[in-house]
C-alpha atoms as a PDB file:
ATOM      1  CA  UNK A   1     124.513 126.181 271.472  1.00  0.00           C
ATOM      2  CA  UNK A   2     125.930 125.186 268.042  1.00  0.00           C
ATOM      3  CA  UNK A   3     129.672 125.993 267.503  1.00  0.00           C
ATOM      4  CA  UNK A   4     129.126 127.250 264.137  1.00  0.00           C
ATOM      5  CA  UNK A   5     125.655 128.947 262.296  1.00  0.00           C
ATOM      6  CA  UNK A   6     124.782 129.664 258.691  1.00  0.00           C
ATOM      7  CA  UNK A   7     126.360 132.705 258.756  1.00  0.00           C
ATOM      8  CA  UNK A   8     129.853 131.444 259.189  1.00  0.00           C
ATOM      9  CA  UNK A   9     128.830 128.599 256.649  1.00  0.00           C
ATOM     10  CA  UNK A  10     128.025 131.706 254.151  1.00  0.00           C
ATOM     11  CA  UNK A  11     131.681 133.107 255.196  1.00  0.00           C
ATOM     12  CA  UNK A  12     133.211 130.072 254.117  1.00  0.00           C
ATOM     13  CA  UNK A  13     131.206 129.200 250.946  1.00  0.00           C
ATOM     14  CA  UNK A  14     129.241 131.397 248.452  1.00  0.00           C
ATOM     15  CA  UNK A  15     125.787 131.121 248.970  1.00  0.00           C
ATOM     16  CA  UNK A  16     124.801 129.952 245.631  1.00  0.00           C
ATOM     17  CA  UNK A  17     126.946 126.945 246.763  1.00  0.00           C
ATOM     18  CA  UNK A  18     125.210 126.234 250.019  1.00  0.00           C
ATOM     19  CA  UNK A  19     121.996 126.660 248.080  1.00  0.00           C
ATOM     20  CA  UNK A  20     123.082 123.741 245.445  1.00  0.00           C
ATOM     21  CA  UNK A  21     124.172 121.800 248.387  1.00  0.00           C
ATOM     22  CA  UNK A  22     120.702 122.181 250.268  1.00  0.00           C
ATOM     23  CA  UNK A  23     118.045 122.979 247.745  1.00  0.00           C
ATOM     24  CA  UNK A  24     116.565 119.345 247.495  1.00  0.00           C
ATOM     25  CA  UNK A  25     113.287 120.591 246.566  1.00  0.00           C
ATOM     26  CA  UNK A  26     114.351 123.245 243.687  1.00  0.00           C
ATOM     27  CA  UNK A  27     113.193 126.108 245.716  1.00  0.00           C
ATOM     28  CA  UNK A  28     116.318 128.091 244.897  1.00  0.00           C
ATOM     29  CA  UNK A  29     116.944 128.512 248.598  1.00  0.00           C
ATOM     30  CA  UNK A  30     118.926 127.357 251.251  1.00  0.00           C
ATOM     31  CA  UNK A  31     117.249 124.590 253.072  1.00  0.00           C
ATOM     32  CA  UNK A  32     117.718 125.449 256.810  1.00  0.00           C
ATOM     33  CA  UNK A  33     116.781 121.816 257.912  1.00  0.00           C
ATOM     34  CA  UNK A  34     119.673 120.552 256.273  1.00  0.00           C
ATOM     35  CA  UNK A  35     122.242 123.412 257.428  1.00  0.00           C
ATOM     36  CA  UNK A  36     121.180 122.850 260.947  1.00  0.00           C
ATOM     37  CA  UNK A  37     121.573 119.284 260.633  1.00  0.00           C
ATOM     38  CA  UNK A  38     125.047 119.286 259.096  1.00  0.00           C
ATOM     39  CA  UNK A  39     125.909 122.023 261.747  1.00  0.00           C
ATOM     40  CA  UNK A  40     124.667 119.542 264.606  1.00  0.00           C
ATOM     41  CA  UNK A  41     126.760 116.474 263.009  1.00  0.00           C
ATOM     42  CA  UNK A  42     129.616 118.692 263.118  1.00  0.00           C
ATOM     43  CA  UNK A  43     129.142 119.695 267.022  1.00  0.00           C
ATOM     44  CA  UNK A  44     128.655 115.894 267.681  1.00  0.00           C
ATOM     45  CA  UNK A  45     131.680 114.821 266.044  1.00  0.00           C
ATOM     46  CA  UNK A  46     133.388 117.850 268.124  1.00  0.00           C
ATOM     47  CA  UNK A  47     132.044 116.726 271.444  1.00  0.00           C
ATOM     48  CA  UNK A  48     132.716 112.990 270.824  1.00  0.00           C
ATOM     49  CA  UNK A  49     136.686 113.887 270.484  1.00  0.00           C
ATOM     50  CA  UNK A  50     136.379 116.335 273.547  1.00  0.00           C
ATOM     51  CA  UNK A  51     133.789 114.158 275.989  1.00  0.00           C
ATOM     52  CA  UNK A  52     135.382 113.561 279.095  1.00  0.00           C
ATOM     53  CA  UNK A  53     138.577 115.973 278.935  1.00  0.00           C
ATOM     54  CA  UNK A  54     136.725 118.739 278.483  1.00  0.00           C
ATOM     55  CA  UNK A  55     132.831 120.212 279.514  1.00  0.00           C
ATOM     56  CA  UNK A  56     130.130 119.060 277.507  1.00  0.00           C
ATOM     57  CA  UNK A  57     128.167 122.485 277.702  1.00  0.00           C
ATOM     58  CA  UNK A  58     130.109 125.108 276.334  1.00  0.00           C
ATOM     59  CA  UNK A  59     128.496 128.950 276.185  1.00  0.00           C
ATOM     60  CA  UNK A  60     128.340 130.769 273.042  1.00  0.00           C
ATOM     61  CA  UNK A  61     131.254 133.203 274.725  1.00  0.00           C
ATOM     62  CA  UNK A  62     133.290 130.279 275.508  1.00  0.00           C
ATOM     63  CA  UNK A  63     133.722 128.709 271.738  1.00  0.00           C
ATOM     64  CA  UNK A  64     137.292 129.447 270.914  1.00  0.00           C
ATOM     65  CA  UNK A  65     137.573 130.866 267.385  1.00  0.00           C
ATOM     66  CA  UNK A  66     139.350 127.962 265.840  1.00  0.00           C
ATOM     67  CA  UNK A  67     136.486 125.321 267.394  1.00  0.00           C
ATOM     68  CA  UNK A  68     134.166 127.460 265.351  1.00  0.00           C
ATOM     69  CA  UNK A  69     136.177 127.103 262.456  1.00  0.00           C
ATOM     70  CA  UNK A  70     136.615 123.582 262.813  1.00  0.00           C
ATOM     71  CA  UNK A  71     132.860 123.057 263.198  1.00  0.00           C
ATOM     72  CA  UNK A  72     132.147 124.941 260.087  1.00  0.00           C
ATOM     73  CA  UNK A  73     134.619 122.968 258.045  1.00  0.00           C
ATOM     74  CA  UNK A  74     133.021 120.068 259.345  1.00  0.00           C
ATOM     75  CA  UNK A  75     129.399 121.237 258.368  1.00  0.00           C
ATOM     76  CA  UNK A  76     130.755 121.865 254.962  1.00  0.00           C
ATOM     77  CA  UNK A  77     132.177 118.462 254.404  1.00  0.00           C
ATOM     78  CA  UNK A  78     128.901 116.989 255.815  1.00  0.00           C
ATOM     79  CA  UNK A  79     126.978 119.413 253.095  1.00  0.00           C
ATOM     80  CA  UNK A  80     129.109 117.980 250.174  1.00  0.00           C
ATOM     81  CA  UNK A  81     128.697 114.329 251.662  1.00  0.00           C
ATOM     82  CA  UNK A  82     125.365 114.208 251.152  1.00  0.00           C
ATOM     83  CA  UNK A  83     125.190 115.249 247.582  1.00  0.00           C
ATOM     84  CA  UNK A  84     126.483 112.862 245.421  1.00  0.00           C
ATOM     85  CA  UNK A  85     126.323 114.268 242.232  1.00  0.00           C
ATOM     86  CA  UNK A  86     128.494 117.010 242.840  1.00  0.00           C
ATOM     87  CA  UNK A  87     132.212 116.932 243.022  1.00  0.00           C
ATOM     88  CA  UNK A  88     133.846 117.615 246.403  1.00  0.00           C
ATOM     89  CA  UNK A  89     136.766 120.053 245.992  1.00  0.00           C
ATOM     90  CA  UNK A  90     140.019 118.596 247.479  1.00  0.00           C
ATOM     91  CA  UNK A  91     140.611 121.473 249.706  1.00  0.00           C
ATOM     92  CA  UNK A  92     137.300 120.674 251.385  1.00  0.00           C
ATOM     93  CA  UNK A  93     138.553 117.105 252.032  1.00  0.00           C
ATOM     94  CA  UNK A  94     141.832 118.372 253.286  1.00  0.00           C
ATOM     95  CA  UNK A  95     140.332 120.831 255.783  1.00  0.00           C
ATOM     96  CA  UNK A  96     138.109 117.931 257.251  1.00  0.00           C
ATOM     97  CA  UNK A  97     141.392 115.592 257.493  1.00  0.00           C
ATOM     98  CA  UNK A  98     143.077 118.483 258.949  1.00  0.00           C
ATOM     99  CA  UNK A  99     140.307 119.138 261.327  1.00  0.00           C
ATOM    100  CA  UNK A 100     140.106 115.581 262.401  1.00  0.00           C
ATOM    101  CA  UNK A 101     143.775 115.336 263.248  1.00  0.00           C
ATOM    102  CA  UNK A 102     143.457 118.573 265.502  1.00  0.00           C
ATOM    103  CA  UNK A 103     140.436 116.594 266.870  1.00  0.00           C
ATOM    104  CA  UNK A 104     142.767 113.713 267.810  1.00  0.00           C
ATOM    105  CA  UNK A 105     145.363 116.224 268.970  1.00  0.00           C
ATOM    106  CA  UNK A 106     142.857 117.822 271.452  1.00  0.00           C
ATOM    107  CA  UNK A 107     141.645 114.373 272.537  1.00  0.00           C
ATOM    108  CA  UNK A 108     145.137 113.378 273.614  1.00  0.00           C
ATOM    109  CA  UNK A 109     145.997 116.552 275.405  1.00  0.00           C
ATOM    110  CA  UNK A 110     148.639 117.753 272.694  1.00  0.00           C
ATOM    111  CA  UNK A 111     145.956 120.731 271.802  1.00  0.00           C
ATOM    112  CA  UNK A 112     144.152 122.541 274.868  1.00  0.00           C
ATOM    113  CA  UNK A 113     141.010 124.837 273.448  1.00  0.00           C
ATOM    114  CA  UNK A 114     139.814 124.526 277.186  1.00  0.00           C
ATOM    115  CA  UNK A 115     140.644 124.538 280.714  1.00  0.00           C
ATOM    116  CA  UNK A 116     140.809 120.599 281.609  1.00  0.00           C
ATOM    117  CA  UNK A 117     137.681 119.337 283.081  1.00  0.00           C
ATOM    118  CA  UNK A 118     139.406 117.368 285.582  1.00  0.00           C
ATOM    119  CA  UNK A 119     142.904 116.937 286.549  1.00  0.00           C
ATOM    120  CA  UNK A 120     144.630 113.709 285.244  1.00  0.00           C
ATOM    121  CA  UNK A 121     144.760 111.190 287.711  1.00  0.00           C
ATOM    122  CA  UNK A 122     148.450 110.521 289.098  1.00  0.00           C
ATOM    123  CA  UNK A 123     148.916 107.308 291.009  1.00  0.00           C
ATOM    124  CA  UNK A 124     151.624 108.021 293.974  1.00  0.00           C
ATOM    125  CA  UNK A 125     152.963 105.197 295.619  1.00  0.00           C
ATOM    126  CA  UNK A 126     154.750 105.216 299.009  1.00  0.00           C
ATOM    127  CA  UNK A 127     156.908 101.850 298.087  1.00  0.00           C
ATOM    128  CA  UNK A 128     160.736 102.116 297.034  1.00  0.00           C
ATOM    129  CA  UNK A 129     161.987  99.369 294.792  1.00  0.00           C
ATOM    130  CA  UNK A 130     163.216  97.890 298.136  1.00  0.00           C
ATOM    131  CA  UNK A 131     160.295  98.030 300.246  1.00  0.00           C
ATOM    132  CA  UNK A 132     157.844  96.686 297.502  1.00  0.00           C
ATOM    133  CA  UNK A 133     156.245  93.241 297.902  1.00  0.00           C
ATOM    134  CA  UNK A 134     157.198  91.987 294.621  1.00  0.00           C
ATOM    135  CA  UNK A 135     160.206  92.571 292.609  1.00  0.00           C
ATOM    136  CA  UNK A 136     160.441  93.245 289.258  1.00  0.00           C
ATOM    137  CA  UNK A 137     161.595  89.872 288.043  1.00  0.00           C
ATOM    138  CA  UNK A 138     158.651  88.315 289.752  1.00  0.00           C
ATOM    139  CA  UNK A 139     156.351  90.605 288.337  1.00  0.00           C
ATOM    140  CA  UNK A 140     157.893  89.884 284.801  1.00  0.00           C
ATOM    141  CA  UNK A 141     157.711  86.541 285.213  1.00  0.00           C
ATOM    142  CA  UNK A 142     153.843  86.669 285.972  1.00  0.00           C
ATOM    143  CA  UNK A 143     153.652  88.559 282.694  1.00  0.00           C
ATOM    144  CA  UNK A 144     155.140  85.912 280.657  1.00  0.00           C
ATOM    145  CA  UNK A 145     153.209  83.209 282.243  1.00  0.00           C
ATOM    146  CA  UNK A 146     149.657  85.011 281.216  1.00  0.00           C
END
């Protein structure tokens, strides 16, 4: 399932701008294949940042609004990026940068849009500083040698 749709793109940008960004054949219409590709690229970008921390398959009902918003902003950026003869507004560039920052925060666990796929691995030891095999000084000397 896509995290955003053409309907969401139309809420973000006026339709005539989407036409300008996608109409490669001068038909004065929105090219669905081009918007679909921009949306797919946006989803791939988001999935790449969330992979390993969150489930890969997300149903329509489970997509948080801010993930949909991020996907829309990335898709709009992708549409502008493909049209070298059009000047991309600074607000679109800023939205894209802010979205990537949010994705990095999601990846690092600072933002949590979904329940974690797996709990992080916690390593527990039954050794105390007195009962371990090698002292800190032995381990430190090993690190400086190698």
